[in-house]
Full PDB file with SEQRES, HELIX, SHEET, SSBOND, CRYST1, ORIGX, SCALE, CONECT and MASTER records, all heavy atoms in Angstrom:
SEQRES   1 A   41  ASN GLU PRO MET THR ARG GLY GLN ILE ASP GLU MET ARG          
SEQRES   2 A   41  GLY VAL GLU SER ALA PHE VAL ILE ARG LYS LEU LEU ALA          
SEQRES   3 A   41  LYS GLY LEU ILE LYS GLU SER GLY LYS SER GLU MET PRO          
SEQRES   4 A   41  GLY HIS                                                      
HELIX    1 AA1 ARG A    6  ARG A   13  1                                   8    
HELIX    2 AA2 ALA A   18  LYS A   27  1                                  10    
CRYST1    1.000    1.000    1.000  90.00  90.00  90.00 P 1           1          
ORIGX1      1.000000  0.000000  0.000000        0.00000                         
ORIGX2      0.000000  1.000000  0.000000        0.00000                         
ORIGX3      0.000000  0.000000  1.000000        0.00000                         
SCALE1      1.000000  0.000000  0.000000        0.00000                         
SCALE2      0.000000  1.000000  0.000000        0.00000                         
SCALE3      0.000000  0.000000  1.000000        0.00000                         
ATOM      1  N   ASN A   1     100.508  40.730-132.068  1.00  0.00           N  
ATOM      2  CA  ASN A   1     100.466  39.286-132.300  1.00  0.00           C  
ATOM      3  C   ASN A   1     101.400  38.817-133.413  1.00  0.00           C  
ATOM      4  O   ASN A   1     101.292  37.683-133.849  1.00  0.00           O  
ATOM      5  CB  ASN A   1      99.039  38.856-132.664  1.00  0.00           C  
ATOM      6  CG  ASN A   1      98.047  39.221-131.608  1.00  0.00           C  
ATOM      7  OD1 ASN A   1      98.013  38.626-130.554  1.00  0.00           O  
ATOM      8  ND2 ASN A   1      97.242  40.242-131.876  1.00  0.00           N  
ATOM      9  N   GLU A   2     102.284  39.671-133.902  1.00  0.00           N  
ATOM     10  CA  GLU A   2     103.069  39.324-135.084  1.00  0.00           C  
ATOM     11  C   GLU A   2     103.990  38.139-134.871  1.00  0.00           C  
ATOM     12  O   GLU A   2     104.403  37.892-133.727  1.00  0.00           O  
ATOM     13  CB  GLU A   2     103.854  40.545-135.578  1.00  0.00           C  
ATOM     14  CG  GLU A   2     104.913  41.071-134.678  1.00  0.00           C  
ATOM     15  CD  GLU A   2     105.513  42.367-135.217  1.00  0.00           C  
ATOM     16  OE1 GLU A   2     104.897  43.058-136.048  1.00  0.00           O  
ATOM     17  OE2 GLU A   2     106.621  42.669-134.797  1.00  0.00           O  
ATOM     18  N   PRO A   3     104.277  37.433-135.948  1.00  0.00           N  
ATOM     19  CA  PRO A   3     103.737  37.586-137.301  1.00  0.00           C  
ATOM     20  C   PRO A   3     102.352  36.945-137.411  1.00  0.00           C  
ATOM     21  O   PRO A   3     102.037  36.012-136.684  1.00  0.00           O  
ATOM     22  CB  PRO A   3     104.756  36.846-138.160  1.00  0.00           C  
ATOM     23  CG  PRO A   3     105.297  35.777-137.279  1.00  0.00           C  
ATOM     24  CD  PRO A   3     105.280  36.352-135.887  1.00  0.00           C  
ATOM     25  N   MET A   4     101.556  37.466-138.336  1.00  0.00           N  
ATOM     26  CA  MET A   4     100.186  36.989-138.523  1.00  0.00           C  
ATOM     27  C   MET A   4      99.858  36.853-140.000  1.00  0.00           C  
ATOM     28  O   MET A   4     100.361  37.610-140.816  1.00  0.00           O  
ATOM     29  CB  MET A   4      99.192  37.968-137.900  1.00  0.00           C  
ATOM     30  CG  MET A   4      99.282  38.054-136.398  1.00  0.00           C  
ATOM     31  SD  MET A   4      97.826  38.831-135.715  1.00  0.00           S  
ATOM     32  CE  MET A   4      96.599  37.567-135.929  1.00  0.00           C  
ATOM     33  N   THR A   5      98.965  35.920-140.306  1.00  0.00           N  
ATOM     34  CA  THR A   5      98.472  35.770-141.676  1.00  0.00           C  
ATOM     35  C   THR A   5      97.236  36.649-141.854  1.00  0.00           C  
ATOM     36  O   THR A   5      96.613  37.066-140.873  1.00  0.00           O  
ATOM     37  CB  THR A   5      98.077  34.309-141.970  1.00  0.00           C  
ATOM     38  OG1 THR A   5      96.954  33.961-141.161  1.00  0.00           O  
ATOM     39  CG2 THR A   5      99.239  33.350-141.745  1.00  0.00           C  
ATOM     40  N   ARG A   6      96.880  36.897-143.097  1.00  0.00           N  
ATOM     41  CA  ARG A   6      95.680  37.686-143.359  1.00  0.00           C  
ATOM     42  C   ARG A   6      94.449  36.980-142.801  1.00  0.00           C  
ATOM     43  O   ARG A   6      93.549  37.618-142.257  1.00  0.00           O  
ATOM     44  CB  ARG A   6      95.512  37.935-144.857  1.00  0.00           C  
ATOM     45  CG  ARG A   6      94.431  38.975-145.126  1.00  0.00           C  
ATOM     46  CD  ARG A   6      94.175  39.155-146.571  1.00  0.00           C  
ATOM     47  NE  ARG A   6      93.223  38.127-146.960  1.00  0.00           N  
ATOM     48  CZ  ARG A   6      93.034  37.712-148.183  1.00  0.00           C  
ATOM     49  NH1 ARG A   6      93.733  38.190-149.162  1.00  0.00           N  
ATOM     50  NH2 ARG A   6      92.152  36.778-148.448  1.00  0.00           N  
ATOM     51  N   GLY A   7      94.406  35.666-142.904  1.00  0.00           N  
ATOM     52  CA  GLY A   7      93.272  34.907-142.369  1.00  0.00           C  
ATOM     53  C   GLY A   7      93.125  35.092-140.872  1.00  0.00           C  
ATOM     54  O   GLY A   7      92.006  35.221-140.360  1.00  0.00           O  
ATOM     55  N   GLN A   8      94.242  35.091-140.148  1.00  0.00           N  
ATOM     56  CA  GLN A   8      94.191  35.295-138.701  1.00  0.00           C  
ATOM     57  C   GLN A   8      93.696  36.706-138.374  1.00  0.00           C  
ATOM     58  O   GLN A   8      92.919  36.901-137.435  1.00  0.00           O  
ATOM     59  CB  GLN A   8      95.573  35.066-138.088  1.00  0.00           C  
ATOM     60  CG  GLN A   8      96.035  33.629-138.143  1.00  0.00           C  
ATOM     61  CD  GLN A   8      97.499  33.469-137.766  1.00  0.00           C  
ATOM     62  OE1 GLN A   8      98.347  34.293-138.125  1.00  0.00           O  
ATOM     63  NE2 GLN A   8      97.788  32.391-137.052  1.00  0.00           N  
ATOM     64  N   ILE A   9      94.153  37.675-139.149  1.00  0.00           N  
ATOM     65  CA  ILE A   9      93.721  39.063-138.944  1.00  0.00           C  
ATOM     66  C   ILE A   9      92.223  39.184-139.213  1.00  0.00           C  
ATOM     67  O   ILE A   9      91.479  39.769-138.419  1.00  0.00           O  
ATOM     68  CB  ILE A   9      94.521  40.028-139.845  1.00  0.00           C  
ATOM     69  CG1 ILE A   9      96.006  39.997-139.468  1.00  0.00           C  
ATOM     70  CG2 ILE A   9      93.958  41.440-139.774  1.00  0.00           C  
ATOM     71  CD1 ILE A   9      96.931  40.596-140.509  1.00  0.00           C  
ATOM     72  N   ASP A  10      91.767  38.599-140.332  1.00  0.00           N  
ATOM     73  CA  ASP A  10      90.342  38.624-140.680  1.00  0.00           C  
ATOM     74  C   ASP A  10      89.509  37.991-139.578  1.00  0.00           C  
ATOM     75  O   ASP A  10      88.443  38.493-139.221  1.00  0.00           O  
ATOM     76  CB  ASP A  10      90.087  37.873-141.988  1.00  0.00           C  
ATOM     77  CG  ASP A  10      90.668  38.558-143.200  1.00  0.00           C  
ATOM     78  OD1 ASP A  10      91.122  39.710-143.096  1.00  0.00           O  
ATOM     79  OD2 ASP A  10      90.673  37.924-144.282  1.00  0.00           O  
ATOM     80  N   GLU A  11      89.994  36.887-139.031  1.00  0.00           N  
ATOM     81  CA  GLU A  11      89.266  36.185-137.985  1.00  0.00           C  
ATOM     82  C   GLU A  11      89.141  37.057-136.734  1.00  0.00           C  
ATOM     83  O   GLU A  11      88.079  37.140-136.120  1.00  0.00           O  
ATOM     84  CB  GLU A  11      89.981  34.881-137.645  1.00  0.00           C  
ATOM     85  CG  GLU A  11      89.203  33.995-136.693  1.00  0.00           C  
ATOM     86  CD  GLU A  11      89.896  32.668-136.470  1.00  0.00           C  
ATOM     87  OE1 GLU A  11      90.510  32.130-137.407  1.00  0.00           O  
ATOM     88  OE2 GLU A  11      89.822  32.187-135.323  1.00  0.00           O  
ATOM     89  N   MET A  12      90.205  37.733-136.364  1.00  0.00           N  
ATOM     90  CA  MET A  12      90.158  38.597-135.174  1.00  0.00           C  
ATOM     91  C   MET A  12      89.240  39.796-135.383  1.00  0.00           C  
ATOM     92  O   MET A  12      88.529  40.202-134.466  1.00  0.00           O  
ATOM     93  CB  MET A  12      91.563  39.064-134.799  1.00  0.00           C  
ATOM     94  CG  MET A  12      92.403  37.968-134.179  1.00  0.00           C  
ATOM     95  SD  MET A  12      93.975  38.580-133.591  1.00  0.00           S  
ATOM     96  CE  MET A  12      93.508  39.185-131.978  1.00  0.00           C  
ATOM     97  N   ARG A  13      89.273  40.370-136.590  1.00  0.00           N  
ATOM     98  CA  ARG A  13      88.449  41.548-136.861  1.00  0.00           C  
ATOM     99  C   ARG A  13      87.015  41.183-137.186  1.00  0.00           C  
ATOM    100  O   ARG A  13      86.108  41.991-137.013  1.00  0.00           O  
ATOM    101  CB  ARG A  13      89.019  42.341-138.046  1.00  0.00           C  
ATOM    102  CG  ARG A  13      90.318  43.032-137.744  1.00  0.00           C  
ATOM    103  CD  ARG A  13      90.749  43.930-138.884  1.00  0.00           C  
ATOM    104  NE  ARG A  13      89.845  45.063-139.016  1.00  0.00           N  
ATOM    105  CZ  ARG A  13      89.389  45.512-140.177  1.00  0.00           C  
ATOM    106  NH1 ARG A  13      89.742  44.956-141.300  1.00  0.00           N  
ATOM    107  NH2 ARG A  13      88.578  46.550-140.216  1.00  0.00           N  
ATOM    108  N   GLY A  14      86.816  40.000-137.757  1.00  0.00           N  
ATOM    109  CA  GLY A  14      85.482  39.593-138.173  1.00  0.00           C  
ATOM    110  C   GLY A  14      85.083  40.139-139.526  1.00  0.00           C  
ATOM    111  O   GLY A  14      83.930  40.023-139.927  1.00  0.00           O  
ATOM    112  N   VAL A  15      86.026  40.762-140.230  1.00  0.00           N  
ATOM    113  CA  VAL A  15      85.770  41.287-141.578  1.00  0.00           C  
ATOM    114  C   VAL A  15      87.009  41.081-142.446  1.00  0.00           C  
ATOM    115  O   VAL A  15      88.110  40.879-141.942  1.00  0.00           O  
ATOM    116  CB  VAL A  15      85.404  42.792-141.568  1.00  0.00           C  
ATOM    117  CG1 VAL A  15      84.091  43.040-140.873  1.00  0.00           C  
ATOM    118  CG2 VAL A  15      86.499  43.627-140.955  1.00  0.00           C  
ATOM    119  N   GLU A  16      86.818  41.176-143.739  1.00  0.00           N  
ATOM    120  CA  GLU A  16      87.900  41.048-144.714  1.00  0.00           C  
ATOM    121  C   GLU A  16      88.878  42.207-144.566  1.00  0.00           C  
ATOM    122  O   GLU A  16      88.474  43.354-144.458  1.00  0.00           O  
ATOM    123  CB  GLU A  16      87.286  41.046-146.124  1.00  0.00           C  
ATOM    124  CG  GLU A  16      88.251  41.124-147.251  1.00  0.00           C  
ATOM    125  CD  GLU A  16      89.041  39.851-147.442  1.00  0.00           C  
ATOM    126  OE1 GLU A  16      88.496  38.760-147.240  1.00  0.00           O  
ATOM    127  OE2 GLU A  16      90.219  39.972-147.801  1.00  0.00           O  
ATOM    128  N   SER A  17      90.166  41.918-144.576  1.00  0.00           N  
ATOM    129  CA  SER A  17      91.193  42.940-144.348  1.00  0.00           C  
ATOM    130  C   SER A  17      92.161  43.118-145.516  1.00  0.00           C  
ATOM    131  O   SER A  17      93.140  43.850-145.383  1.00  0.00           O  
ATOM    132  CB  SER A  17      91.997  42.585-143.087  1.00  0.00           C  
ATOM    133  OG  SER A  17      91.153  42.459-141.981  1.00  0.00           O  
ATOM    134  N   ALA A  18      91.907  42.476-146.638  1.00  0.00           N  
ATOM    135  CA  ALA A  18      92.859  42.497-147.756  1.00  0.00           C  
ATOM    136  C   ALA A  18      93.175  43.919-148.216  1.00  0.00           C  
ATOM    137  O   ALA A  18      94.341  44.266-148.420  1.00  0.00           O  
ATOM    138  CB  ALA A  18      92.333  41.672-148.928  1.00  0.00           C  
ATOM    139  N   PHE A  19      92.152  44.757-148.368  1.00  0.00           N  
ATOM    140  CA  PHE A  19      92.361  46.119-148.841  1.00  0.00           C  
ATOM    141  C   PHE A  19      93.208  46.916-147.852  1.00  0.00           C  
ATOM    142  O   PHE A  19      94.135  47.624-148.230  1.00  0.00           O  
ATOM    143  CB  PHE A  19      91.009  46.811-149.070  1.00  0.00           C  
ATOM    144  CG  PHE A  19      91.137  48.255-149.464  1.00  0.00           C  
ATOM    145  CD1 PHE A  19      91.568  48.597-150.731  1.00  0.00           C  
ATOM    146  CD2 PHE A  19      90.848  49.270-148.561  1.00  0.00           C  
ATOM    147  CE1 PHE A  19      91.695  49.932-151.100  1.00  0.00           C  
ATOM    148  CE2 PHE A  19      90.978  50.596-148.915  1.00  0.00           C  
ATOM    149  CZ  PHE A  19      91.404  50.930-150.197  1.00  0.00           C  
ATOM    150  N   VAL A  20      92.913  46.781-146.578  1.00  0.00           N  
ATOM    151  CA  VAL A  20      93.647  47.510-145.541  1.00  0.00           C  
ATOM    152  C   VAL A  20      95.098  47.043-145.505  1.00  0.00           C  
ATOM    153  O   VAL A  20      96.023  47.862-145.416  1.00  0.00           O  
ATOM    154  CB  VAL A  20      92.978  47.325-144.162  1.00  0.00           C  
ATOM    155  CG1 VAL A  20      93.776  48.006-143.070  1.00  0.00           C  
ATOM    156  CG2 VAL A  20      91.551  47.865-144.183  1.00  0.00           C  
ATOM    157  N   ILE A  21      95.306  45.746-145.602  1.00  0.00           N  
ATOM    158  CA  ILE A  21      96.673  45.207-145.605  1.00  0.00           C  
ATOM    159  C   ILE A  21      97.449  45.755-146.798  1.00  0.00           C  
ATOM    160  O   ILE A  21      98.603  46.155-146.668  1.00  0.00           O  
ATOM    161  CB  ILE A  21      96.651  43.667-145.585  1.00  0.00           C  
ATOM    162  CG1 ILE A  21      96.178  43.189-144.214  1.00  0.00           C  
ATOM    163  CG2 ILE A  21      98.018  43.084-145.928  1.00  0.00           C  
ATOM    164  CD1 ILE A  21      95.908  41.699-144.113  1.00  0.00           C  
ATOM    165  N   ARG A  22      96.802  45.810-147.947  1.00  0.00           N  
ATOM    166  CA  ARG A  22      97.450  46.365-149.151  1.00  0.00           C  
ATOM    167  C   ARG A  22      97.883  47.809-148.923  1.00  0.00           C  
ATOM    168  O   ARG A  22      98.990  48.205-149.288  1.00  0.00           O  
ATOM    169  CB  ARG A  22      96.471  46.277-150.328  1.00  0.00           C  
ATOM    170  CG  ARG A  22      97.077  45.791-151.580  1.00  0.00           C  
ATOM    171  CD  ARG A  22      96.141  45.591-152.758  1.00  0.00           C  
ATOM    172  NE  ARG A  22      94.913  46.324-152.809  1.00  0.00           N  
ATOM    173  CZ  ARG A  22      93.709  45.792-152.647  1.00  0.00           C  
ATOM    174  NH1 ARG A  22      93.564  44.532-152.414  1.00  0.00           N  
ATOM    175  NH2 ARG A  22      92.633  46.535-152.721  1.00  0.00           N  
ATOM    176  N   LYS A  23      97.013  48.610-148.312  1.00  0.00           N  
ATOM    177  CA  LYS A  23      97.346  50.015-148.043  1.00  0.00           C  
ATOM    178  C   LYS A  23      98.490  50.123-147.040  1.00  0.00           C  
ATOM    179  O   LYS A  23      99.379  50.955-147.193  1.00  0.00           O  
ATOM    180  CB  LYS A  23      96.117  50.776-147.533  1.00  0.00           C  
ATOM    181  CG  LYS A  23      95.127  51.100-148.635  1.00  0.00           C  
ATOM    182  CD  LYS A  23      94.094  52.071-148.184  1.00  0.00           C  
ATOM    183  CE  LYS A  23      94.690  53.443-148.215  1.00  0.00           C  
ATOM    184  NZ  LYS A  23      93.769  54.539-148.125  1.00  0.00           N  
ATOM    185  N   LEU A  24      98.468  49.298-146.007  1.00  0.00           N  
ATOM    186  CA  LEU A  24      99.532  49.342-144.998  1.00  0.00           C  
ATOM    187  C   LEU A  24     100.864  48.895-145.587  1.00  0.00           C  
ATOM    188  O   LEU A  24     101.917  49.442-145.234  1.00  0.00           O  
ATOM    189  CB  LEU A  24      99.155  48.488-143.784  1.00  0.00           C  
ATOM    190  CG  LEU A  24      97.980  49.013-142.951  1.00  0.00           C  
ATOM    191  CD1 LEU A  24      97.557  47.985-141.902  1.00  0.00           C  
ATOM    192  CD2 LEU A  24      98.318  50.345-142.302  1.00  0.00           C  
ATOM    193  N   LEU A  25     100.825  47.926-146.490  1.00  0.00           N  
ATOM    194  CA  LEU A  25     102.053  47.506-147.191  1.00  0.00           C  
ATOM    195  C   LEU A  25     102.583  48.660-148.040  1.00  0.00           C  
ATOM    196  O   LEU A  25     103.781  48.949-148.031  1.00  0.00           O  
ATOM    197  CB  LEU A  25     101.780  46.289-148.081  1.00  0.00           C  
ATOM    198  CG  LEU A  25     101.660  44.940-147.380  1.00  0.00           C  
ATOM    199  CD1 LEU A  25     101.056  43.901-148.322  1.00  0.00           C  
ATOM    200  CD2 LEU A  25     103.012  44.469-146.864  1.00  0.00           C  
ATOM    201  N   ALA A  26     101.681  49.328-148.767  1.00  0.00           N  
ATOM    202  CA  ALA A  26     102.081  50.443-149.630  1.00  0.00           C  
ATOM    203  C   ALA A  26     102.662  51.599-148.818  1.00  0.00           C  
ATOM    204  O   ALA A  26     103.591  52.277-149.268  1.00  0.00           O  
ATOM    205  CB  ALA A  26     100.888  50.935-150.465  1.00  0.00           C  
ATOM    206  N   LYS A  27     102.149  51.813-147.624  1.00  0.00           N  
ATOM    207  CA  LYS A  27     102.650  52.881-146.759  1.00  0.00           C  
ATOM    208  C   LYS A  27     103.920  52.468-146.019  1.00  0.00           C  
ATOM    209  O   LYS A  27     104.551  53.270-145.347  1.00  0.00           O  
ATOM    210  CB  LYS A  27     101.580  53.297-145.753  1.00  0.00           C  
ATOM    211  CG  LYS A  27     100.411  54.038-146.373  1.00  0.00           C  
ATOM    212  CD  LYS A  27      99.393  54.406-145.316  1.00  0.00           C  
ATOM    213  CE  LYS A  27      98.169  55.071-145.882  1.00  0.00           C  
ATOM    214  NZ  LYS A  27      98.371  56.425-146.321  1.00  0.00           N  
ATOM    215  N   GLY A  28     104.280  51.183-146.110  1.00  0.00           N  
ATOM    216  CA  GLY A  28     105.496  50.702-145.469  1.00  0.00           C  
ATOM    217  C   GLY A  28     105.363  50.482-143.968  1.00  0.00           C  
ATOM    218  O   GLY A  28     106.366  50.360-143.273  1.00  0.00           O  
ATOM    219  N   LEU A  29     104.135  50.422-143.454  1.00  0.00           N  
ATOM    220  CA  LEU A  29     103.935  50.230-142.017  1.00  0.00           C  
ATOM    221  C   LEU A  29     103.967  48.752-141.617  1.00  0.00           C  
ATOM    222  O   LEU A  29     104.197  48.424-140.458  1.00  0.00           O  
ATOM    223  CB  LEU A  29     102.630  50.880-141.569  1.00  0.00           C  
ATOM    224  CG  LEU A  29     102.586  52.404-141.756  1.00  0.00           C  
ATOM    225  CD1 LEU A  29     101.207  52.945-141.427  1.00  0.00           C  
ATOM    226  CD2 LEU A  29     103.644  53.080-140.899  1.00  0.00           C  
ATOM    227  N   ILE A  30     103.704  47.868-142.582  1.00  0.00           N  
ATOM    228  CA  ILE A  30     103.849  46.432-142.369  1.00  0.00           C  
ATOM    229  C   ILE A  30     104.624  45.859-143.540  1.00  0.00           C  
ATOM    230  O   ILE A  30     104.770  46.513-144.574  1.00  0.00           O  
ATOM    231  CB  ILE A  30     102.491  45.701-142.217  1.00  0.00           C  
ATOM    232  CG1 ILE A  30     101.650  45.816-143.492  1.00  0.00           C  
ATOM    233  CG2 ILE A  30     101.738  46.209-140.997  1.00  0.00           C  
ATOM    234  CD1 ILE A  30     100.392  44.961-143.487  1.00  0.00           C  
ATOM    235  N   LYS A  31     105.118  44.635-143.367  1.00  0.00           N  
ATOM    236  CA  LYS A  31     105.843  43.966-144.449  1.00  0.00           C  
ATOM    237  C   LYS A  31     105.600  42.475-144.365  1.00  0.00           C  
ATOM    238  O   LYS A  31     105.175  41.955-143.327  1.00  0.00           O  
ATOM    239  CB  LYS A  31     107.329  44.263-144.366  1.00  0.00           C  
ATOM    240  CG  LYS A  31     108.016  43.680-143.141  1.00  0.00           C  
ATOM    241  CD  LYS A  31     109.482  44.014-143.130  1.00  0.00           C  
ATOM    242  CE  LYS A  31     110.163  43.433-141.885  1.00  0.00           C  
ATOM    243  NZ  LYS A  31     111.572  43.771-141.830  1.00  0.00           N  
ATOM    244  N   GLU A  32     105.853  41.802-145.479  1.00  0.00           N  
ATOM    245  CA  GLU A  32     105.780  40.353-145.502  1.00  0.00           C  
ATOM    246  C   GLU A  32     107.008  39.830-144.766  1.00  0.00           C  
ATOM    247  O   GLU A  32     108.114  40.319-144.976  1.00  0.00           O  
ATOM    248  CB  GLU A  32     105.753  39.845-146.935  1.00  0.00           C  
ATOM    249  CG  GLU A  32     104.506  40.249-147.683  1.00  0.00           C  
ATOM    250  CD  GLU A  32     104.468  39.736-149.117  1.00  0.00           C  
ATOM    251  OE1 GLU A  32     105.343  38.924-149.502  1.00  0.00           O  
ATOM    252  OE2 GLU A  32     103.553  40.135-149.847  1.00  0.00           O  
ATOM    253  N   SER A  33     106.789  38.829-143.914  1.00  0.00           N  
ATOM    254  CA  SER A  33     107.918  38.313-143.130  1.00  0.00           C  
ATOM    255  C   SER A  33     108.092  36.812-143.288  1.00  0.00           C  
ATOM    256  O   SER A  33     108.613  36.154-142.398  1.00  0.00           O  
ATOM    257  CB  SER A  33     107.743  38.672-141.649  1.00  0.00           C  
ATOM    258  OG  SER A  33     106.612  38.013-141.126  1.00  0.00           O  
ATOM    259  N   GLY A  34     107.630  36.276-144.392  1.00  0.00           N  
ATOM    260  CA  GLY A  34     107.782  34.853-144.646  1.00  0.00           C  
ATOM    261  C   GLY A  34     106.450  34.185-144.902  1.00  0.00           C  
ATOM    262  O   GLY A  34     105.445  34.845-145.134  1.00  0.00           O  
ATOM    263  N   LYS A  35     106.483  32.865-144.844  1.00  0.00           N  
ATOM    264  CA  LYS A  35     105.276  32.057-145.085  1.00  0.00           C  
ATOM    265  C   LYS A  35     104.980  31.222-143.855  1.00  0.00           C  
ATOM    266  O   LYS A  35     105.887  30.723-143.193  1.00  0.00           O  
ATOM    267  CB  LYS A  35     105.500  31.113-146.276  1.00  0.00           C  
ATOM    268  CG  LYS A  35     105.815  31.822-147.577  1.00  0.00           C  
ATOM    269  CD  LYS A  35     104.571  32.128-148.312  1.00  0.00           C  
ATOM    270  CE  LYS A  35     104.918  32.686-149.694  1.00  0.00           C  
ATOM    271  NZ  LYS A  35     103.758  32.868-150.489  1.00  0.00           N  
ATOM    272  N   SER A  36     103.715  31.052-143.566  1.00  0.00           N  
ATOM    273  CA  SER A  36     103.276  30.240-142.442  1.00  0.00           C  
ATOM    274  C   SER A  36     103.409  28.764-142.791  1.00  0.00           C  
ATOM    275  O   SER A  36     103.403  28.389-143.958  1.00  0.00           O  
ATOM    276  CB  SER A  36     101.814  30.569-142.126  1.00  0.00           C  
ATOM    277  OG  SER A  36     101.277  29.646-141.212  1.00  0.00           O  
ATOM    278  N   GLU A  37     103.480  27.936-141.776  1.00  0.00           N  
ATOM    279  CA  GLU A  37     103.502  26.482-141.969  1.00  0.00           C  
ATOM    280  C   GLU A  37     102.084  25.931-142.112  1.00  0.00           C  
ATOM    281  O   GLU A  37     101.907  24.742-142.343  1.00  0.00           O  
ATOM    282  CB  GLU A  37     104.218  25.807-140.787  1.00  0.00           C  
ATOM    283  CG  GLU A  37     105.696  26.129-140.723  1.00  0.00           C  
ATOM    284  CD  GLU A  37     106.461  25.681-141.961  1.00  0.00           C  
ATOM    285  OE1 GLU A  37     106.217  24.567-142.469  1.00  0.00           O  
ATOM    286  OE2 GLU A  37     107.299  26.479-142.437  1.00  0.00           O  
ATOM    287  N   MET A  38     101.085  26.790-142.009  1.00  0.00           N  
ATOM    288  CA  MET A  38      99.693  26.370-142.135  1.00  0.00           C  
ATOM    289  C   MET A  38      99.439  25.887-143.554  1.00  0.00           C  
ATOM    290  O   MET A  38     100.194  26.231-144.470  1.00  0.00           O  
ATOM    291  CB  MET A  38      98.759  27.547-141.810  1.00  0.00           C  
ATOM    292  CG  MET A  38      98.861  28.024-140.375  1.00  0.00           C  
ATOM    293  SD  MET A  38      98.054  29.616-140.057  1.00  0.00           S  
ATOM    294  CE  MET A  38      96.461  29.415-140.788  1.00  0.00           C  
ATOM    295  N   PRO A  39      98.378  25.100-143.767  1.00  0.00           N  
ATOM    296  CA  PRO A  39      98.061  24.651-145.126  1.00  0.00           C  
ATOM    297  C   PRO A  39      97.933  25.839-146.075  1.00  0.00           C  
ATOM    298  O   PRO A  39      97.344  26.861-145.738  1.00  0.00           O  
ATOM    299  CB  PRO A  39      96.715  23.931-144.955  1.00  0.00           C  
ATOM    300  CG  PRO A  39      96.706  23.495-143.527  1.00  0.00           C  
ATOM    301  CD  PRO A  39      97.458  24.554-142.770  1.00  0.00           C  
ATOM    302  N   GLY A  40      98.519  25.704-147.239  1.00  0.00           N  
ATOM    303  CA  GLY A  40      98.505  26.784-148.222  1.00  0.00           C  
ATOM    304  C   GLY A  40      99.645  27.758-148.044  1.00  0.00           C  
ATOM    305  O   GLY A  40      99.870  28.613-148.878  1.00  0.00           O  
ATOM    306  N   HIS A  41     100.347  27.666-146.950  1.00  0.00           N  
ATOM    307  CA  HIS A  41     101.486  28.527-146.636  1.00  0.00           C  
ATOM    308  C   HIS A  41     101.187  30.005-146.877  1.00  0.00           C  
ATOM    309  O   HIS A  41     101.825  30.671-147.681  1.00  0.00           O  
ATOM    310  CB  HIS A  41     102.725  28.091-147.433  1.00  0.00           C  
ATOM    311  CG  HIS A  41     103.121  26.683-147.155  1.00  0.00           C  
ATOM    312  ND1 HIS A  41     103.689  26.291-145.970  1.00  0.00           N  
ATOM    313  CD2 HIS A  41     102.998  25.559-147.904  1.00  0.00           C  
ATOM    314  CE1 HIS A  41     103.920  24.987-145.998  1.00  0.00           C  
ATOM    315  NE2 HIS A  41     103.499  24.510-147.162  1.00  0.00           N  
TER     316      HIS A  41                                                      
MASTER        0    0    0    2    0    0    0    6  315    1    0    4          
END                                                                             
């Protein structure tokens, strides 16, 4: 579904994903690809 925001990921999983996203960023498996046009960007 990329690109996706953390909120969208949390909504699909039904649980908080911040820790997992941090680990995946550290492992280099995902990366930031910009800012969404949604409120709060």
